PDB file of N, CA and C in Angstrom:
ATOM      1  N   MET A   1     -23.293  11.161   6.781  1.00  0.00           N
ATOM      2  CA  MET A   1     -22.098  10.636   7.401  1.00  0.00           C
ATOM      3  C   MET A   1     -21.745   9.274   6.810  1.00  0.00           C
ATOM      4  N   GLU A   2     -22.772   8.481   6.583  1.00  0.00           N
ATOM      5  CA  GLU A   2     -22.548   7.155   6.013  1.00  0.00           C
ATOM      6  C   GLU A   2     -21.992   7.252   4.593  1.00  0.00           C
ATOM      7  N   LEU A   3     -22.458   8.232   3.837  1.00  0.00           N
ATOM      8  CA  LEU A   3     -21.983   8.416   2.469  1.00  0.00           C
ATOM      9  C   LEU A   3     -20.493   8.758   2.434  1.00  0.00           C
ATOM     10  N   VAL A   4     -20.036   9.558   3.379  1.00  0.00           N
ATOM     11  CA  VAL A   4     -18.627   9.942   3.445  1.00  0.00           C
ATOM     12  C   VAL A   4     -17.756   8.704   3.676  1.00  0.00           C
ATOM     13  N   PHE A   5     -18.175   7.840   4.586  1.00  0.00           N
ATOM     14  CA  PHE A   5     -17.388   6.647   4.867  1.00  0.00           C
ATOM     15  C   PHE A   5     -17.460   5.629   3.729  1.00  0.00           C
ATOM     16  N   ARG A   6     -18.584   5.595   3.024  1.00  0.00           N
ATOM     17  CA  ARG A   6     -18.667   4.708   1.859  1.00  0.00           C
ATOM     18  C   ARG A   6     -17.709   5.168   0.763  1.00  0.00           C
ATOM     19  N   ILE A   7     -17.654   6.466   0.509  1.00  0.00           N
ATOM     20  CA  ILE A   7     -16.741   7.007  -0.498  1.00  0.00           C
ATOM     21  C   ILE A   7     -15.298   6.781  -0.075  1.00  0.00           C
ATOM     22  N   LEU A   8     -15.010   6.993   1.202  1.00  0.00           N
ATOM     23  CA  LEU A   8     -13.669   6.755   1.732  1.00  0.00           C
ATOM     24  C   LEU A   8     -13.279   5.282   1.595  1.00  0.00           C
ATOM     25  N   LEU A   9     -14.231   4.392   1.823  1.00  0.00           N
ATOM     26  CA  LEU A   9     -13.986   2.958   1.691  1.00  0.00           C
ATOM     27  C   LEU A   9     -13.692   2.580   0.241  1.00  0.00           C
ATOM     28  N   ILE A  10     -14.425   3.146  -0.691  1.00  0.00           N
ATOM     29  CA  ILE A  10     -14.205   2.860  -2.115  1.00  0.00           C
ATOM     30  C   ILE A  10     -12.841   3.368  -2.564  1.00  0.00           C
ATOM     31  N   ILE A  11     -12.488   4.582  -2.167  1.00  0.00           N
ATOM     32  CA  ILE A  11     -11.194   5.146  -2.550  1.00  0.00           C
ATOM     33  C   ILE A  11     -10.051   4.340  -1.942  1.00  0.00           C
ATOM     34  N   ALA A  12     -10.190   3.982  -0.667  1.00  0.00           N
ATOM     35  CA  ALA A  12      -9.145   3.197  -0.004  1.00  0.00           C
ATOM     36  C   ALA A  12      -8.997   1.828  -0.648  1.00  0.00           C
ATOM     37  N   SER A  13     -10.102   1.219  -1.043  1.00  0.00           N
ATOM     38  CA  SER A  13     -10.009  -0.101  -1.671  1.00  0.00           C
ATOM     39  C   SER A  13      -9.353  -0.017  -3.044  1.00  0.00           C
ATOM     40  N   LEU A  14      -9.642   1.027  -3.801  1.00  0.00           N
ATOM     41  CA  LEU A  14      -9.006   1.184  -5.116  1.00  0.00           C
ATOM     42  C   LEU A  14      -7.506   1.444  -4.987  1.00  0.00           C
ATOM     43  N   VAL A  15      -7.128   2.273  -4.030  1.00  0.00           N
ATOM     44  CA  VAL A  15      -5.703   2.532  -3.799  1.00  0.00           C
ATOM     45  C   VAL A  15      -5.009   1.270  -3.321  1.00  0.00           C
ATOM     46  N   LEU A  16      -5.670   0.512  -2.467  1.00  0.00           N
ATOM     47  CA  LEU A  16      -5.106  -0.729  -1.959  1.00  0.00           C
ATOM     48  C   LEU A  16      -4.902  -1.745  -3.082  1.00  0.00           C
ATOM     49  N   ILE A  17      -5.874  -1.894  -3.939  1.00  0.00           N
ATOM     50  CA  ILE A  17      -5.752  -2.816  -5.068  1.00  0.00           C
ATOM     51  C   ILE A  17      -4.625  -2.382  -5.996  1.00  0.00           C
ATOM     52  N   GLY A  18      -4.593  -1.099  -6.323  1.00  0.00           N
ATOM     53  CA  GLY A  18      -3.551  -0.600  -7.225  1.00  0.00           C
ATOM     54  C   GLY A  18      -2.154  -0.736  -6.660  1.00  0.00           C
ATOM     55  N   SER A  19      -2.004  -0.415  -5.387  1.00  0.00           N
ATOM     56  CA  SER A  19      -0.664  -0.479  -4.802  1.00  0.00           C
ATOM     57  C   SER A  19      -0.183  -1.918  -4.650  1.00  0.00           C
ATOM     58  N   ILE A  20      -1.080  -2.840  -4.401  1.00  0.00           N
ATOM     59  CA  ILE A  20      -0.681  -4.252  -4.314  1.00  0.00           C
ATOM     60  C   ILE A  20      -0.307  -4.790  -5.694  1.00  0.00           C
ATOM     61  N   LEU A  21      -1.064  -4.425  -6.698  1.00  0.00           N
ATOM     62  CA  LEU A  21      -0.767  -4.924  -8.032  1.00  0.00           C
ATOM     63  C   LEU A  21       0.526  -4.337  -8.602  1.00  0.00           C
ATOM     64  N   LEU A  22       0.887  -3.148  -8.202  1.00  0.00           N
ATOM     65  CA  LEU A  22       2.102  -2.525  -8.715  1.00  0.00           C
ATOM     66  C   LEU A  22       3.375  -2.981  -8.014  1.00  0.00           C
ATOM     67  N   GLN A  23       3.242  -3.599  -6.853  1.00  0.00           N
ATOM     68  CA  GLN A  23       4.422  -4.046  -6.125  1.00  0.00           C
ATOM     69  C   GLN A  23       5.034  -5.257  -6.802  1.00  0.00           C
ATOM     70  N   SER A  24       6.369  -5.303  -6.800  1.00  0.00           N
ATOM     71  CA  SER A  24       7.043  -6.476  -7.332  1.00  0.00           C
ATOM     72  C   SER A  24       7.063  -7.551  -6.259  1.00  0.00           C
ATOM     73  N   GLY A  25       7.130  -8.780  -6.685  1.00  0.00           N
ATOM     74  CA  GLY A  25       7.135  -9.895  -5.758  1.00  0.00           C
ATOM     75  C   GLY A  25       8.415  -9.949  -4.950  1.00  0.00           C
ATOM     76  N   LYS A  26       8.355 -10.625  -3.819  1.00  0.00           N
ATOM     77  CA  LYS A  26       9.552 -10.776  -2.979  1.00  0.00           C
ATOM     78  C   LYS A  26      10.586 -11.652  -3.661  1.00  0.00           C
ATOM     79  N   SER A  27      10.170 -12.492  -4.577  1.00  0.00           N
ATOM     80  CA  SER A  27      11.102 -13.358  -5.296  1.00  0.00           C
ATOM     81  C   SER A  27      11.449 -12.742  -6.644  1.00  0.00           C
ATOM     82  N   ALA A  28      11.818 -11.467  -6.642  1.00  0.00           N
ATOM     83  CA  ALA A  28      12.138 -10.771  -7.878  1.00  0.00           C
ATOM     84  C   ALA A  28      13.403 -11.323  -8.517  1.00  0.00           C
ATOM     85  N   GLY A  29      14.148 -12.097  -7.785  1.00  0.00           N
ATOM     86  CA  GLY A  29      15.311 -12.741  -8.361  1.00  0.00           C
ATOM     87  C   GLY A  29      16.592 -12.058  -7.975  1.00  0.00           C
ATOM     88  N   ILE A  30      17.668 -12.707  -8.318  1.00  0.00           N
ATOM     89  CA  ILE A  30      18.983 -12.208  -7.946  1.00  0.00           C
ATOM     90  C   ILE A  30      19.415 -11.082  -8.873  1.00  0.00           C
ATOM     91  N   SER A  31      18.813 -10.992 -10.050  1.00  0.00           N
ATOM     92  CA  SER A  31      19.226  -9.962 -10.995  1.00  0.00           C
ATOM     93  C   SER A  31      18.923  -8.565 -10.461  1.00  0.00           C
ATOM     94  N   GLY A  32      17.867  -8.419  -9.681  1.00  0.00           N
ATOM     95  CA  GLY A  32      17.558  -7.123  -9.086  1.00  0.00           C
ATOM     96  C   GLY A  32      18.578  -6.718  -8.057  1.00  0.00           C
ATOM     97  N   GLU A  33      19.100  -7.681  -7.327  1.00  0.00           N
ATOM     98  CA  GLU A  33      20.109  -7.374  -6.324  1.00  0.00           C
ATOM     99  C   GLU A  33      21.442  -7.027  -6.971  1.00  0.00           C
ATOM    100  N   ILE A  34      21.770  -7.680  -8.072  1.00  0.00           N
ATOM    101  CA  ILE A  34      23.026  -7.402  -8.757  1.00  0.00           C
ATOM    102  C   ILE A  34      22.988  -5.998  -9.365  1.00  0.00           C
ATOM    103  N   ALA A  35      21.839  -5.586  -9.851  1.00  0.00           N
ATOM    104  CA  ALA A  35      21.718  -4.292 -10.517  1.00  0.00           C
ATOM    105  C   ALA A  35      21.610  -3.134  -9.535  1.00  0.00           C
ATOM    106  N   GLY A  36      21.770  -3.379  -8.264  1.00  0.00           N
ATOM    107  CA  GLY A  36      21.722  -2.312  -7.289  1.00  0.00           C
ATOM    108  C   GLY A  36      20.435  -2.247  -6.513  1.00  0.00           C
ATOM    109  N   GLY A  37      19.583  -3.224  -6.676  1.00  0.00           N
ATOM    110  CA  GLY A  37      18.321  -3.251  -5.948  1.00  0.00           C
ATOM    111  C   GLY A  37      18.511  -3.448  -4.462  1.00  0.00           C
ATOM    112  N   ALA A  38      19.618  -4.039  -4.078  1.00  0.00           N
ATOM    113  CA  ALA A  38      19.863  -4.285  -2.657  1.00  0.00           C
ATOM    114  C   ALA A  38      20.058  -2.984  -1.891  1.00  0.00           C
ATOM    115  N   GLU A  39      20.577  -1.983  -2.553  1.00  0.00           N
ATOM    116  CA  GLU A  39      20.782  -0.699  -1.866  1.00  0.00           C
ATOM    117  C   GLU A  39      19.460  -0.044  -1.516  1.00  0.00           C
ATOM    118  N   SER A  40      18.476  -0.152  -2.402  1.00  0.00           N
ATOM    119  CA  SER A  40      17.186   0.459  -2.094  1.00  0.00           C
ATOM    120  C   SER A  40      16.373  -0.409  -1.139  1.00  0.00           C
ATOM    121  N   ILE A  41      16.649  -1.714  -1.107  1.00  0.00           N
ATOM    122  CA  ILE A  41      15.909  -2.589  -0.195  1.00  0.00           C
ATOM    123  C   ILE A  41      16.446  -2.456   1.222  1.00  0.00           C
ATOM    124  N   TRP A  42      17.771  -2.499   1.386  1.00  0.00           N
ATOM    125  CA  TRP A  42      18.374  -2.512   2.710  1.00  0.00           C
ATOM    126  C   TRP A  42      18.951  -1.163   3.112  1.00  0.00           C
ATOM    127  N   GLY A  43      19.070  -0.248   2.184  1.00  0.00           N
ATOM    128  CA  GLY A  43      19.733   1.012   2.477  1.00  0.00           C
ATOM    129  C   GLY A  43      18.819   2.075   3.031  1.00  0.00           C
ATOM    130  N   LYS A  44      19.367   3.269   3.106  1.00  0.00           N
ATOM    131  CA  LYS A  44      18.631   4.407   3.669  1.00  0.00           C
ATOM    132  C   LYS A  44      17.547   4.902   2.725  1.00  0.00           C
ATOM    133  N   ASN A  45      17.670   4.642   1.442  1.00  0.00           N
ATOM    134  CA  ASN A  45      16.767   5.222   0.452  1.00  0.00           C
ATOM    135  C   ASN A  45      15.531   4.388   0.194  1.00  0.00           C
ATOM    136  N   LYS A  46      15.232   3.415   1.042  1.00  0.00           N
ATOM    137  CA  LYS A  46      14.065   2.570   0.803  1.00  0.00           C
ATOM    138  C   LYS A  46      12.774   3.379   0.835  1.00  0.00           C
ATOM    139  N   GLY A  47      12.653   4.294   1.768  1.00  0.00           N
ATOM    140  CA  GLY A  47      11.438   5.092   1.871  1.00  0.00           C
ATOM    141  C   GLY A  47      11.247   6.045   0.716  1.00  0.00           C
ATOM    142  N   ARG A  48      12.330   6.401   0.059  1.00  0.00           N
ATOM    143  CA  ARG A  48      12.242   7.339  -1.064  1.00  0.00           C
ATOM    144  C   ARG A  48      12.084   6.638  -2.395  1.00  0.00           C
ATOM    145  N   SER A  49      12.301   5.333  -2.439  1.00  0.00           N
ATOM    146  CA  SER A  49      12.183   4.600  -3.693  1.00  0.00           C
ATOM    147  C   SER A  49      10.710   4.370  -4.016  1.00  0.00           C
ATOM    148  N   PHE A  50      10.476   3.941  -5.238  1.00  0.00           N
ATOM    149  CA  PHE A  50       9.107   3.680  -5.679  1.00  0.00           C
ATOM    150  C   PHE A  50       8.489   2.551  -4.868  1.00  0.00           C
ATOM    151  N   GLU A  51       9.288   1.523  -4.573  1.00  0.00           N
ATOM    152  CA  GLU A  51       8.779   0.406  -3.786  1.00  0.00           C
ATOM    153  C   GLU A  51       8.437   0.839  -2.366  1.00  0.00           C
ATOM    154  N   GLY A  52       9.248   1.727  -1.812  1.00  0.00           N
ATOM    155  CA  GLY A  52       8.971   2.235  -0.474  1.00  0.00           C
ATOM    156  C   GLY A  52       7.689   3.039  -0.418  1.00  0.00           C
ATOM    157  N   LYS A  53       7.461   3.841  -1.455  1.00  0.00           N
ATOM    158  CA  LYS A  53       6.227   4.624  -1.511  1.00  0.00           C
ATOM    159  C   LYS A  53       5.005   3.723  -1.689  1.00  0.00           C
ATOM    160  N   LEU A  54       5.158   2.673  -2.500  1.00  0.00           N
ATOM    161  CA  LEU A  54       4.051   1.731  -2.659  1.00  0.00           C
ATOM    162  C   LEU A  54       3.750   0.999  -1.362  1.00  0.00           C
ATOM    163  N   GLU A  55       4.788   0.667  -0.629  1.00  0.00           N
ATOM    164  CA  GLU A  55       4.594  -0.021   0.652  1.00  0.00           C
ATOM    165  C   GLU A  55       3.862   0.878   1.644  1.00  0.00           C
ATOM    166  N   LYS A  56       4.235   2.150   1.682  1.00  0.00           N
ATOM    167  CA  LYS A  56       3.550   3.094   2.570  1.00  0.00           C
ATOM    168  C   LYS A  56       2.103   3.300   2.145  1.00  0.00           C
ATOM    169  N   ALA A  57       1.869   3.403   0.821  1.00  0.00           N
ATOM    170  CA  ALA A  57       0.503   3.577   0.319  1.00  0.00           C
ATOM    171  C   ALA A  57      -0.357   2.363   0.655  1.00  0.00           C
ATOM    172  N   THR A  58       0.227   1.178   0.569  1.00  0.00           N
ATOM    173  CA  THR A  58      -0.497  -0.040   0.910  1.00  0.00           C
ATOM    174  C   THR A  58      -0.868  -0.054   2.382  1.00  0.00           C
ATOM    175  N   THR A  59       0.083   0.303   3.235  1.00  0.00           N
ATOM    176  CA  THR A  59      -0.174   0.298   4.673  1.00  0.00           C
ATOM    177  C   THR A  59      -1.244   1.315   5.055  1.00  0.00           C
ATOM    178  N   VAL A  60      -1.123   2.525   4.544  1.00  0.00           N
ATOM    179  CA  VAL A  60      -2.084   3.587   4.893  1.00  0.00           C
ATOM    180  C   VAL A  60      -3.477   3.252   4.363  1.00  0.00           C
ATOM    181  N   SER A  61      -3.553   2.793   3.128  1.00  0.00           N
ATOM    182  CA  SER A  61      -4.869   2.484   2.571  1.00  0.00           C
ATOM    183  C   SER A  61      -5.505   1.284   3.265  1.00  0.00           C
ATOM    184  N   ALA A  62      -4.704   0.313   3.706  1.00  0.00           N
ATOM    185  CA  ALA A  62      -5.256  -0.827   4.443  1.00  0.00           C
ATOM    186  C   ALA A  62      -5.824  -0.379   5.789  1.00  0.00           C
ATOM    187  N   ILE A  63      -5.116   0.517   6.471  1.00  0.00           N
ATOM    188  CA  ILE A  63      -5.603   1.029   7.757  1.00  0.00           C
ATOM    189  C   ILE A  63      -6.887   1.820   7.570  1.00  0.00           C
ATOM    190  N   ILE A  64      -6.923   2.668   6.553  1.00  0.00           N
ATOM    191  CA  ILE A  64      -8.130   3.453   6.268  1.00  0.00           C
ATOM    192  C   ILE A  64      -9.291   2.531   5.904  1.00  0.00           C
ATOM    193  N   PHE A  65      -9.001   1.486   5.132  1.00  0.00           N
ATOM    194  CA  PHE A  65     -10.032   0.529   4.736  1.00  0.00           C
ATOM    195  C   PHE A  65     -10.649  -0.163   5.949  1.00  0.00           C
ATOM    196  N   VAL A  66      -9.812  -0.615   6.860  1.00  0.00           N
ATOM    197  CA  VAL A  66     -10.311  -1.313   8.053  1.00  0.00           C
ATOM    198  C   VAL A  66     -11.112  -0.370   8.941  1.00  0.00           C
ATOM    199  N   ILE A  67     -10.608   0.836   9.165  1.00  0.00           N
ATOM    200  CA  ILE A  67     -11.303   1.799  10.012  1.00  0.00           C
ATOM    201  C   ILE A  67     -12.647   2.198   9.407  1.00  0.00           C
ATOM    202  N   ALA A  68     -12.659   2.461   8.103  1.00  0.00           N
ATOM    203  CA  ALA A  68     -13.913   2.848   7.444  1.00  0.00           C
ATOM    204  C   ALA A  68     -14.911   1.695   7.469  1.00  0.00           C
ATOM    205  N   SER A  69     -14.435   0.467   7.316  1.00  0.00           N
ATOM    206  CA  SER A  69     -15.326  -0.694   7.387  1.00  0.00           C
ATOM    207  C   SER A  69     -15.946  -0.830   8.765  1.00  0.00           C
ATOM    208  N   LEU A  70     -15.116  -0.680   9.805  1.00  0.00           N
ATOM    209  CA  LEU A  70     -15.630  -0.791  11.163  1.00  0.00           C
ATOM    210  C   LEU A  70     -16.619   0.325  11.488  1.00  0.00           C
ATOM    211  N   VAL A  71     -16.348   1.521  11.013  1.00  0.00           N
ATOM    212  CA  VAL A  71     -17.259   2.639  11.276  1.00  0.00           C
ATOM    213  C   VAL A  71     -18.581   2.415  10.555  1.00  0.00           C
ATOM    214  N   LEU A  72     -18.534   1.910   9.315  1.00  0.00           N
ATOM    215  CA  LEU A  72     -19.772   1.637   8.594  1.00  0.00           C
ATOM    216  C   LEU A  72     -20.606   0.563   9.282  1.00  0.00           C
ATOM    217  N   VAL A  73     -19.961  -0.449   9.836  1.00  0.00           N
ATOM    218  CA  VAL A  73     -20.691  -1.492  10.549  1.00  0.00           C
ATOM    219  C   VAL A  73     -21.304  -0.904  11.825  1.00  0.00           C
ATOM    220  N   ALA A  74     -20.571  -0.040  12.506  1.00  0.00           N
ATOM    221  CA  ALA A  74     -21.061   0.556  13.742  1.00  0.00           C
ATOM    222  C   ALA A  74     -22.231   1.516  13.473  1.00  0.00           C
ATOM    223  N   ILE A  75     -22.217   2.177  12.347  1.00  0.00           N
ATOM    224  CA  ILE A  75     -23.296   3.112  12.007  1.00  0.00           C
ATOM    225  C   ILE A  75     -24.593   2.359  11.720  1.00  0.00           C
ATOM    226  N   GLN A  76     -24.500   1.247  11.071  1.00  0.00           N
ATOM    227  CA  GLN A  76     -25.725   0.516  10.663  1.00  0.00           C
ATOM    228  C   GLN A  76     -26.337  -0.249  11.769  1.00  0.00           C
TER     229      GLN A  76
END
């Protein structure tokens, strides 16, 4: 059981690191907004855009990471 949570923790941490590194900064500049970036940020298509998917992956992997960490501490 402990091995399963350790593997889950490693996978979640790798996904979390990758998704954070791939996200663009909040100060991407005004050029992104001029080129139509504002529609994907504020519009209906945010969840379908690449940034929206990265944000969801970050949230899910962070939750899995915390839960797996707490379970591993409780097991030991």
